[in-house]
């Protein structure tokens, strides 16, 4: 490692201890979401208004420095989740905090972090070969993708969620500062969600509701079947889950010239209510058995192809967490907007890949282009103040 970068990481790690909150905390008071627990709590919480998903290359030199980075990352995530006042660092030292949120990090603006590892972390650099989750692999290329290598993969991913963009940016700056020399940003995408309009799930940039048919996250048995790592995974992985990230550009200029009736048939839902085309309310389940020829909800509509709701596809459902993004304007003058699509699952082959194969060639592909993302494994939760992200992985390897 470059000596300057290494010194920067060591200074940041030391500063992490000095930035401890002035008081005990294991819960983010503003959100009521505990930080400690067997799994990372942000997996099951609803989307916040703002997010930043950042993929990093790990540049730590050796296994000990990797462990130091993970401890520091844990300390910073805990502090950012609970709020507090950074302790003074001395007159001659840089300030302990950027000050973006004022002298005290507010608890009512708490950040929820999700930390996940990519398959490339399990190469030979840190002695983790053979310790990877069984189904973790580089994100494959699907038939309708146009992937940009600069926007794909990564050793480690951190998603930060909060209810204001400055809170998210403050958190990212804090983490980047304290892990400098051990992590280097590979790519980053900011996202946002809107409020319910007029009720129910938020809307995406096509104007349709997003996430209506998610499995019930309050059903623990269902989450055990669909989300949390299965019993055949390594012992350290208990409480983890697979995260698939897809960066999807939406060609809104073309979409906005399509008649509403055609938009609804492409999606399979009514735009205003979010109801399936054979229903009246957003929460109504489509009745495909009564429409075998697809006269009401076309067979190639997005909701029908993604989830035909058969006994065979029941175990392929995904827990989706989608955000919109706006990156300005493309060189040709089109809007550079789209979806930061995230989903959690127990098995990305059984679930996400199976869904993608059914969606291949769907009519909606004329209006969307996946250009980046990656497959990651969300580490188990931090159980108490003695624990840290990836401790079981590092101890068992």
Protein backbone atom coordinates (compact mmCIF):
# COMPACT_ATOMS: atom_id res chain seq x y z
CA UNK A 1 0.00 0.00 0.00
CA UNK A 2 1.12 3.53 -0.69
CA UNK A 3 2.59 4.80 2.63
CA UNK A 4 0.63 8.05 2.46
CA UNK A 5 -2.64 6.20 1.93
CA UNK A 6 -1.78 3.73 4.70
CA UNK A 7 -1.09 6.53 7.16
CA UNK A 8 -4.40 8.09 6.18
CA UNK A 9 -6.25 4.87 7.02
CA UNK A 10 -4.48 4.46 10.35
CA UNK A 11 -5.23 8.06 11.32
CA UNK A 12 -8.84 7.55 10.31
CA UNK A 13 -9.16 4.36 12.34
CA UNK A 14 -7.71 6.07 15.38
CA UNK A 15 -10.06 9.01 14.91
CA UNK A 16 -12.94 6.56 14.83
CA UNK A 17 -12.41 5.83 18.51
CA UNK A 18 -12.27 9.54 19.30
CA UNK A 19 -15.56 10.13 17.50
CA UNK A 20 -17.56 7.89 19.77
CA UNK A 21 -21.01 9.12 20.70
CA UNK A 22 -21.24 10.87 24.04
CA UNK A 23 -23.56 8.30 25.60
CA UNK A 24 -24.58 4.66 25.26
CA UNK A 25 -26.57 3.72 22.21
CA UNK A 26 -27.55 0.61 20.31
CA UNK A 27 -30.73 1.97 18.74
CA UNK A 28 -31.27 4.73 16.23
CA UNK A 29 -33.80 6.84 18.19
CA UNK A 30 -35.19 8.64 15.16
CA UNK A 31 -36.03 5.49 13.29
CA UNK A 32 -36.59 3.02 16.12
CA UNK A 33 -34.33 0.57 14.25
CA UNK A 34 -31.85 -1.27 16.54
CA UNK A 35 -28.28 -1.36 15.29
CA UNK A 36 -27.31 -4.60 17.04
CA UNK A 37 -28.87 -7.91 16.14
CA UNK A 38 -28.39 -11.22 14.29
CA UNK A 39 -28.92 -9.58 10.91
CA UNK A 40 -28.46 -6.12 9.45
CA UNK A 41 -31.70 -4.35 10.23
CA UNK A 42 -31.85 -2.25 7.07
CA UNK A 43 -32.64 -5.37 5.04
CA UNK A 44 -36.20 -5.53 6.37
CA UNK A 45 -36.94 -1.82 6.84
CA UNK A 46 -38.93 0.12 4.21
CA UNK A 47 -36.96 2.30 1.78
CA UNK A 48 -35.86 5.66 3.14
CA UNK A 49 -36.30 8.84 1.12
CA UNK A 50 -32.61 8.96 0.09
CA UNK A 51 -29.81 6.49 -0.48
CA UNK A 52 -26.28 6.14 -1.77
CA UNK A 53 -25.04 2.74 -2.87
CA UNK A 54 -21.27 2.68 -3.09
CA UNK A 55 -19.10 -0.13 -4.36
CA UNK A 56 -15.52 -0.21 -3.11
CA UNK A 57 -12.28 -1.87 -4.07
CA UNK A 58 -10.54 -3.07 -0.90
CA UNK A 59 -6.96 -1.79 -0.87
CA UNK A 60 -6.00 -2.96 2.62
CA UNK A 61 -2.59 -4.57 2.83
CA UNK A 62 -3.04 -7.97 4.34
CA UNK A 63 -5.58 -9.66 6.51
CA UNK A 64 -4.92 -7.71 9.71
CA UNK A 65 -5.56 -4.41 7.97
CA UNK A 66 -8.73 -5.82 6.41
CA UNK A 67 -9.97 -6.72 9.88
CA UNK A 68 -9.07 -3.24 11.16
CA UNK A 69 -11.05 -1.71 8.32
CA UNK A 70 -14.12 -3.83 9.12
CA UNK A 71 -13.92 -2.85 12.80
CA UNK A 72 -13.66 0.81 11.85
CA UNK A 73 -16.55 0.49 9.41
CA UNK A 74 -18.65 -1.05 12.19
CA UNK A 75 -17.80 1.75 14.61
CA UNK A 76 -18.71 4.41 12.07
CA UNK A 77 -21.96 2.72 11.05
CA UNK A 78 -22.99 2.42 14.70
CA UNK A 79 -22.21 6.07 15.40
CA UNK A 80 -24.01 7.29 12.28
CA UNK A 81 -27.04 5.17 13.16
CA UNK A 82 -27.37 6.48 16.71
CA UNK A 83 -26.15 10.06 16.49
CA UNK A 84 -24.21 12.06 19.05
CA UNK A 85 -21.47 14.64 19.45
CA UNK A 86 -17.97 13.79 18.21
CA UNK A 87 -15.38 14.26 20.90
CA UNK A 88 -12.86 17.08 20.36
CA UNK A 89 -9.60 16.15 18.64
CA UNK A 90 -7.41 19.05 19.74
CA UNK A 91 -6.58 22.47 18.35
CA UNK A 92 -3.95 21.28 15.88
CA UNK A 93 -5.88 18.25 14.59
CA UNK A 94 -8.44 18.25 11.82
CA UNK A 95 -12.03 18.40 13.10
CA UNK A 96 -13.54 15.05 14.02
CA UNK A 97 -16.53 15.59 11.75
CA UNK A 98 -17.28 17.41 8.51
CA UNK A 99 -19.86 19.58 10.27
CA UNK A 100 -22.33 19.05 7.44
CA UNK A 101 -25.09 18.27 9.94
CA UNK A 102 -23.98 20.77 12.55
CA UNK A 103 -22.02 20.20 15.78
CA UNK A 104 -24.10 17.16 16.74
CA UNK A 105 -25.08 14.27 14.47
CA UNK A 106 -28.84 14.20 15.01
CA UNK A 107 -30.46 10.98 16.12
CA UNK A 108 -33.67 11.90 14.28
CA UNK A 109 -31.75 11.80 11.00
CA UNK A 110 -30.27 8.37 11.66
CA UNK A 111 -28.53 6.52 8.85
CA UNK A 112 -29.20 2.86 8.14
CA UNK A 113 -26.20 1.10 6.63
CA UNK A 114 -26.08 -2.20 4.76
CA UNK A 115 -22.62 -3.74 4.34
CA UNK A 116 -22.04 -6.54 1.84
CA UNK A 117 -19.05 -8.31 0.30
CA UNK A 118 -18.47 -9.17 -3.33
CA UNK A 119 -17.02 -12.38 -4.74
CA UNK A 120 -13.68 -10.74 -5.54
CA UNK A 121 -12.95 -10.30 -1.82
CA UNK A 122 -12.50 -14.07 -1.60
CA UNK A 123 -9.48 -14.24 -3.89
CA UNK A 124 -6.03 -14.91 -2.52
CA UNK A 125 -5.28 -11.48 -1.03
CA UNK A 126 -6.65 -12.05 2.47
CA UNK A 127 -6.63 -15.80 3.01
CA UNK A 128 -10.39 -16.09 2.44
CA UNK A 129 -10.25 -18.48 -0.50
CA UNK A 130 -12.76 -21.24 0.03
CA UNK A 131 -14.74 -19.24 2.59
CA UNK A 132 -17.13 -17.53 0.18
CA UNK A 133 -20.89 -18.04 0.42
CA UNK A 134 -21.79 -20.94 -1.83
CA UNK A 135 -23.76 -18.95 -4.41
CA UNK A 136 -21.71 -15.77 -4.53
CA UNK A 137 -20.27 -15.15 -7.98
CA UNK A 138 -19.70 -12.21 -10.34
CA UNK A 139 -22.93 -10.82 -11.73
CA UNK A 140 -23.66 -12.61 -15.03
CA UNK A 141 -24.63 -10.80 -18.21
CA UNK A 142 -28.27 -11.29 -19.16
CA UNK A 143 -29.62 -11.08 -22.74
CA UNK A 144 -30.94 -7.49 -22.54
CA UNK A 145 -27.98 -6.00 -20.65
CA UNK A 146 -25.56 -3.36 -21.91
CA UNK A 147 -23.10 -3.42 -19.02
CA UNK A 148 -20.41 -0.81 -18.49
CA UNK A 149 -17.44 -2.38 -16.63
CA UNK A 150 -16.87 0.88 -14.75
CA UNK A 151 -20.29 0.44 -13.12
CA UNK A 152 -20.07 -3.24 -12.20
CA UNK A 153 -18.92 -5.47 -9.33
CA UNK A 154 -16.75 -4.57 -6.33
CA UNK A 155 -15.05 -6.09 -3.29
CA UNK A 156 -17.42 -4.48 -0.82
CA UNK A 157 -20.69 -2.55 -1.09
CA UNK A 158 -22.14 -0.11 1.42
CA UNK A 159 -25.67 1.21 1.08
CA UNK A 160 -26.54 4.23 3.22
CA UNK A 161 -30.18 5.19 3.68
CA UNK A 162 -31.69 8.22 5.41
CA UNK A 163 -34.48 10.73 4.97
CA UNK A 164 -32.36 13.59 3.61
CA UNK A 165 -29.57 13.74 1.03
CA UNK A 166 -27.21 15.71 3.27
CA UNK A 167 -27.46 13.01 5.95
CA UNK A 168 -26.51 10.36 3.41
CA UNK A 169 -23.62 12.43 2.06
CA UNK A 170 -22.39 13.16 5.57
CA UNK A 171 -22.34 9.43 6.30
CA UNK A 172 -20.49 8.59 3.10
CA UNK A 173 -17.86 11.25 3.76
CA UNK A 174 -17.44 9.97 7.31
CA UNK A 175 -16.92 6.38 6.20
CA UNK A 176 -14.62 7.34 3.33
CA UNK A 177 -12.51 9.45 5.69
CA UNK A 178 -12.11 6.80 8.34
CA UNK A 179 -11.34 3.97 5.92
CA UNK A 180 -9.04 5.91 3.62
CA UNK A 181 -6.14 3.72 2.55
CA UNK A 182 -8.16 0.52 2.99
CA UNK A 183 -11.13 1.27 0.72
CA UNK A 184 -11.30 3.06 -2.61
CA UNK A 185 -14.60 3.94 -4.27
CA UNK A 186 -15.19 1.98 -7.47
CA UNK A 187 -18.61 3.40 -8.34
CA UNK A 188 -21.45 5.16 -6.55
CA UNK A 189 -25.07 5.93 -7.37
CA UNK A 190 -27.43 8.12 -5.37
CA UNK A 191 -31.13 7.30 -5.27
CA UNK A 192 -34.39 8.62 -3.91
CA UNK A 193 -38.00 7.60 -3.33
CA UNK A 194 -41.09 9.77 -3.23
CA UNK A 195 -43.95 9.74 -0.77
CA UNK A 196 -47.07 7.69 -1.40
CA UNK A 197 -49.15 9.41 -4.06
CA UNK A 198 -51.93 9.28 -3.10
CA UNK A 199 -51.34 6.14 -0.99
CA UNK A 200 -49.59 2.78 -1.05
CA UNK A 201 -46.20 2.06 -2.62
CA UNK A 202 -44.06 4.91 -3.99
CA UNK A 203 -43.89 5.47 -7.74
CA UNK A 204 -40.97 4.97 -10.11
CA UNK A 205 -40.00 7.36 -12.90
CA UNK A 206 -42.49 5.71 -15.28
CA UNK A 207 -45.22 6.83 -12.88
CA UNK A 208 -46.12 3.31 -11.73
CA UNK A 209 -46.07 2.01 -8.17
CA UNK A 210 -42.91 0.13 -7.18
CA UNK A 211 -42.76 -2.79 -4.76
CA UNK A 212 -46.48 -3.53 -4.47
CA UNK A 213 -46.18 -7.32 -4.51
CA UNK A 214 -43.24 -7.69 -2.12
CA UNK A 215 -43.40 -10.66 0.26
CA UNK A 216 -44.44 -9.78 3.80
CA UNK A 217 -41.24 -8.85 5.65
CA UNK A 218 -43.07 -9.28 8.98
CA UNK A 219 -43.55 -13.00 8.26
CA UNK A 220 -40.44 -14.53 9.87
CA UNK A 221 -41.01 -17.99 8.39
CA UNK A 222 -41.39 -16.51 4.91
CA UNK A 223 -38.20 -14.49 5.33
CA UNK A 224 -36.41 -17.67 6.41
CA UNK A 225 -37.50 -19.32 3.16
CA UNK A 226 -36.91 -16.42 0.79
CA UNK A 227 -34.31 -14.05 2.26
CA UNK A 228 -31.95 -15.33 4.95
CA UNK A 229 -29.00 -17.59 4.13
CA UNK A 230 -29.87 -21.27 4.08
CA UNK A 231 -28.43 -24.05 6.27
CA UNK A 232 -26.04 -25.20 3.54
CA UNK A 233 -24.07 -21.94 3.69
CA UNK A 234 -20.85 -21.62 5.74
CA UNK A 235 -21.50 -21.28 9.46
CA UNK A 236 -20.27 -17.68 9.56
CA UNK A 237 -22.94 -16.65 7.01
CA UNK A 238 -25.96 -17.23 9.29
CA UNK A 239 -28.00 -14.04 9.38
CA UNK A 240 -26.73 -12.89 5.98
CA UNK A 241 -28.48 -12.66 2.64
CA UNK A 242 -27.65 -12.19 -1.02
CA UNK A 243 -27.97 -8.68 -2.47
CA UNK A 244 -28.38 -8.20 -6.20
CA UNK A 245 -27.90 -4.63 -7.44
CA UNK A 246 -28.99 -3.55 -10.91
CA UNK A 247 -28.51 -0.08 -12.35
CA UNK A 248 -31.23 0.40 -14.97
CA UNK A 249 -31.48 3.40 -17.28
CA UNK A 250 -35.07 4.32 -18.15
CA UNK A 251 -35.69 5.85 -21.57
CA UNK A 252 -38.38 8.23 -20.40
CA UNK A 253 -38.45 10.27 -23.63
CA UNK A 254 -39.76 7.20 -25.50
CA UNK A 255 -41.97 6.06 -22.64
CA UNK A 256 -43.72 9.42 -22.43
CA UNK A 257 -44.89 9.03 -26.04
CA UNK A 258 -46.60 5.68 -25.40
CA UNK A 259 -50.41 5.70 -24.85
CA UNK A 260 -51.40 5.05 -21.25
CA UNK A 261 -53.37 1.94 -22.19
CA UNK A 262 -50.23 0.45 -23.78
CA UNK A 263 -48.07 1.41 -20.77
CA UNK A 264 -50.51 -0.40 -18.50
CA UNK A 265 -50.49 -3.51 -20.66
CA UNK A 266 -46.68 -3.51 -20.71
CA UNK A 267 -46.60 -3.42 -16.91
CA UNK A 268 -49.81 -5.34 -16.18
CA UNK A 269 -51.10 -2.75 -13.71
CA UNK A 270 -53.22 0.39 -13.74
CA UNK A 271 -51.02 3.43 -13.35
CA UNK A 272 -53.31 5.48 -11.11
CA UNK A 273 -54.31 2.82 -8.58
CA UNK A 274 -51.48 0.29 -8.89
CA UNK A 275 -54.08 -2.48 -9.15
CA UNK A 276 -53.52 -5.41 -11.52
CA UNK A 277 -55.54 -4.96 -14.69
CA UNK A 278 -58.07 -7.53 -13.48
CA UNK A 279 -58.40 -5.91 -10.03
CA UNK A 280 -59.60 -2.75 -8.38
CA UNK A 281 -57.08 -2.09 -5.57
CA UNK A 282 -53.30 -2.01 -5.34
CA UNK A 283 -53.18 -5.00 -3.02
CA UNK A 284 -55.38 -7.23 -5.16
CA UNK A 285 -53.70 -10.40 -6.38
CA UNK A 286 -53.91 -10.94 -10.16
CA UNK A 287 -56.14 -13.89 -11.08
CA UNK A 288 -54.13 -15.49 -13.85
CA UNK A 289 -56.09 -18.73 -13.69
CA UNK A 290 -59.14 -16.87 -14.98
CA UNK A 291 -57.15 -15.27 -17.81
CA UNK A 292 -55.12 -18.14 -19.34
CA UNK A 293 -54.77 -16.47 -22.73
CA UNK A 294 -53.64 -13.13 -21.33
CA UNK A 295 -56.56 -11.14 -22.69
CA UNK A 296 -56.70 -8.88 -19.62
CA UNK A 297 -53.14 -9.11 -18.27
CA UNK A 298 -50.91 -10.00 -21.25
CA UNK A 299 -48.76 -13.09 -20.88
CA UNK A 300 -45.65 -11.01 -21.58
CA UNK A 301 -46.55 -8.15 -19.23
CA UNK A 302 -43.89 -7.36 -16.66
CA UNK A 303 -45.75 -8.51 -13.54
CA UNK A 304 -46.91 -11.75 -15.15
CA UNK A 305 -43.51 -12.70 -16.53
CA UNK A 306 -41.72 -11.75 -13.31
CA UNK A 307 -44.06 -13.77 -11.10
CA UNK A 308 -46.58 -16.11 -12.76
CA UNK A 309 -47.78 -17.02 -9.24
CA UNK A 310 -47.58 -20.76 -9.76
CA UNK A 311 -46.60 -23.34 -7.12
CA UNK A 312 -43.30 -23.79 -8.98
CA UNK A 313 -42.41 -20.08 -8.79
CA UNK A 314 -43.49 -19.45 -5.19
CA UNK A 315 -39.93 -19.96 -3.92
CA UNK A 316 -38.51 -17.51 -6.48
CA UNK A 317 -39.97 -14.35 -5.00
CA UNK A 318 -37.63 -11.46 -4.19
CA UNK A 319 -37.63 -8.82 -1.47
CA UNK A 320 -37.24 -5.72 -3.62
CA UNK A 321 -35.87 -2.33 -2.60
CA UNK A 322 -35.92 0.08 -5.54
CA UNK A 323 -34.88 3.72 -5.73
CA UNK A 324 -34.98 6.21 -8.58
CA UNK A 325 -31.87 8.07 -9.70
CA UNK A 326 -31.21 11.26 -11.67
CA UNK A 327 -27.69 11.79 -13.01
CA UNK A 328 -28.47 14.79 -15.19
CA UNK A 329 -28.29 14.61 -18.97
CA UNK A 330 -26.66 12.25 -21.45
CA UNK A 331 -24.41 13.58 -24.26
CA UNK A 332 -27.31 13.22 -26.73
CA UNK A 333 -29.51 15.46 -24.61
CA UNK A 334 -31.68 12.70 -23.12
CA UNK A 335 -32.33 12.58 -19.40
CA UNK A 336 -29.96 10.24 -17.56
CA UNK A 337 -32.51 8.77 -15.14
CA UNK A 338 -33.56 5.33 -14.04
CA UNK A 339 -33.80 2.81 -11.24
CA UNK A 340 -31.31 1.70 -8.62
CA UNK A 341 -32.80 -1.77 -8.20
CA UNK A 342 -31.83 -3.80 -5.14
CA UNK A 343 -33.25 -7.14 -4.07
CA UNK A 344 -32.54 -9.59 -1.28
CA UNK A 345 -32.84 -13.34 -1.57
CA UNK A 346 -31.64 -16.64 -0.19
CA UNK A 347 -30.36 -17.88 -3.55
CA UNK A 348 -29.67 -15.49 -6.47
CA UNK A 349 -29.68 -18.37 -8.95
CA UNK A 350 -32.96 -19.90 -7.81
CA UNK A 351 -34.61 -16.51 -7.43
CA UNK A 352 -33.14 -13.54 -9.31
CA UNK A 353 -31.68 -15.49 -12.24
CA UNK A 354 -34.87 -17.46 -12.74
CA UNK A 355 -36.88 -14.24 -12.84
CA UNK A 356 -34.43 -12.65 -15.28
CA UNK A 357 -34.72 -15.58 -17.66
CA UNK A 358 -38.51 -15.20 -17.71
CA UNK A 359 -38.16 -11.46 -18.36
CA UNK A 360 -35.72 -11.90 -21.26
CA UNK A 361 -37.12 -10.20 -24.35
CA UNK A 362 -40.19 -8.76 -22.60
CA UNK A 363 -41.66 -5.74 -24.42
CA UNK A 364 -40.55 -3.46 -21.59
CA UNK A 365 -36.91 -3.94 -22.68
CA UNK A 366 -37.52 -1.33 -25.40
CA UNK A 367 -37.70 1.28 -22.64
CA UNK A 368 -35.04 0.18 -20.11
CA UNK A 369 -31.33 -0.71 -20.31
CA UNK A 370 -29.44 -2.36 -17.42
CA UNK A 371 -25.91 -0.92 -17.44
CA UNK A 372 -24.32 -1.90 -14.13
CA UNK A 373 -24.56 -3.42 -10.68
CA UNK A 374 -23.23 -6.50 -8.96
CA UNK A 375 -23.87 -9.52 -6.77
CA UNK A 376 -22.97 -9.21 -3.09
CA UNK A 377 -23.50 -11.06 0.18
CA UNK A 378 -24.86 -8.98 3.05
CA UNK A 379 -22.81 -9.81 6.13
CA UNK A 380 -24.56 -11.02 9.29
CA UNK A 381 -25.54 -8.37 11.80
CA UNK A 382 -23.40 -6.93 14.58
CA UNK A 383 -24.63 -8.63 17.74
CA UNK A 384 -23.16 -6.33 20.39
CA UNK A 385 -20.40 -3.79 20.97
CA UNK A 386 -17.74 -6.52 21.00
CA UNK A 387 -18.81 -7.71 17.56
CA UNK A 388 -18.06 -6.22 14.13
CA UNK A 389 -18.94 -6.78 10.49
CA UNK A 390 -17.41 -10.01 9.21
CA UNK A 391 -15.92 -11.07 12.52
CA UNK A 392 -17.11 -14.67 12.21
CA UNK A 393 -15.77 -14.84 8.66
CA UNK A 394 -12.36 -13.56 9.70
CA UNK A 395 -12.19 -15.71 12.85
CA UNK A 396 -13.17 -18.92 11.05
CA UNK A 397 -10.99 -18.45 7.97
